[in-house]
Amino acid sequence: MASYGPVRRRVMQKSRAAALYGALQSLGRISVTVLWPSGRSEIVSLAKDSSLSDLKVAVQQALGRGFVRLVASDGTYLDPTSNHPLHLAGVHDGDSVTAIAQSPGIVATDSAFALWCCNGGVVTWGSLDSGADSSKVQDQLQKVQQIRSTDGAFAAIRSDGTVVSWGCPASGGDSREVQDQLFKVQEISGTFGAFAALRLDGRVVTWGYADEGGNSENVQDQLVGVQQVVSNAVAFAAILSNRSVVTWGDALCGGDSSQVQHRLKHVQQICSTNSAFAALLANGTVVAWGASGWGGNSDKVQPQLQSVKKLFSNEHAFAALLDSGCVVTWGHNDSCIKSTLKQNQLKDVQQICGSRRAFAAIRQDRTVVTWGDAQYGGDSRAVQKRLKDVQEICSNSFAFAAILSDQTLVTWGSAFLGGNSRKVQDRLKNVRQVCGSRLGAFAAVLMDGTIVTWGSALCGGALQHRTSIIGRSGHLRAL
């Protein structure tokens, strides 16, 4: 076999590319070379009257990547949503463009999903009553940086710091009354029925159902220098720059912190169940408040809550990870009682994930320990042998999904609400990200942009065909 030096190989590659360009031109087509920052390149062929949107689809299919952004040779970003013909966008036959991989984001209401890519558009599906219908705001959903949800609505932050909301108006889907205040927004959090937007100036804007935190008038004068806002189902808690806390919303479920206010100093983290909050202080101790049945009273375990590293929760209970790698739980009995029985296994814990009434912990050796109500994923014995090399665990209210190091997925919990993924298991490869809708479905985003869903069809699990976001913003396109 003949051996060629590197210079001769490059000459031969250029000659082949030139020959390909000439052949395509004779067929009324053009070719564009797509470059990765790593040095990889591909030549894509398109009709002469193709648009930027067509170019992006061709690049996604050629590279097997669903999330890319295109940059012209002069360094300007190419906007595929403009739908301009290639020649008007300055892309001509034989030109080169650079493809930059992007990280997608996915979030869910109780029964709908929203998927976006940074500086891109948004795709929604699931229950129309819970935010799946974004058609009325689709033209505004460009250059989206972040999306957050309530139980029935979504709110998106755009690159200019403005906000677009949609979905059930009573759950925060209509932000028109505060739209003039929604500027320079950095972060949004949501209860079941209201949103709170944190601006760059440290002020907070709220809207949605008043009794669930949508009305913050009584504490607005205290919401100055806010660093973070945390929500539970019906109340908000804000950490200020001096590490103190301001709360509002349902008083019985954490919206009133007056009884523990003197202890809420040097707060490092706030975690929530549906109806309570727990704050981790700088000295490694914990302060809890809200509904006692949901973890608002930690008196029984308070002596054990020392040297706490991080707080986790499910919908009904808290789990404190200690510096030692051990775990302390309190709240609803179904979520906690079995953790006592499994204390010999709850060692070297790194991360904890919660469903409604169960927990799943990843240990240092990347194995998993589960406890709590079996109906909500507290019993993983049926899949325990497969739960090795676990990288991440995601949940909805009824089930868990674990991403393994080989980018495959293992699920358990309520079979009809996401715990059984056998019907789509052959497609769950090269999994990039997983999200659960609260009432019973999962959506997995694969590396090539394919979306695979399972669980309740009414909650967003109905896309049982092979579906991809490749295509124009806001539309699902089957491959």
Foldseek 3Di string as FASTA:
>chain_A
DDDDDPVVVVVVVVVVVVVVQVVLVVVQKAWEWEAEPVGDIDIFIDHQQFFLLVVLLRVLVVVLFQAKWKAFPVGHTDARQVRHGCVVVVHGGPGYIYIDGWDKDKAAAQFKIWIGTAQAFIAIDFAQQQDRDPPVCRVVRGRWHDWEGANRKIWTQHPQQFIQIAHHQQQDRDPVVCRVVRGQWDDWYGANRKIWTAHPQQFIQIAHNVQQDRDPVVCRVVRGQWDDWDHANRKIWTQHPQQAIQIAHNCQQDRPPPVCRVVRGQFDDWEHANRKIWTQHPQQFIQIAHHQQQPRDPVVCRVVRGQFDDWAHENFKIWTQHPQQFIDIGHHCQQHVCSVVCRVVRGQWDDWHYAHFKIWTQHPQQAIQIAGDQQQDRDDVVCRVVRGQWDDWEGANFKIWTQHPQQAIQIAGNCQQDRPPVLCRVVRGQWDDKYHNRNGKMWTQHRSQWIAIHHDSNRRRVPHATWGPSGHHHDIDHD
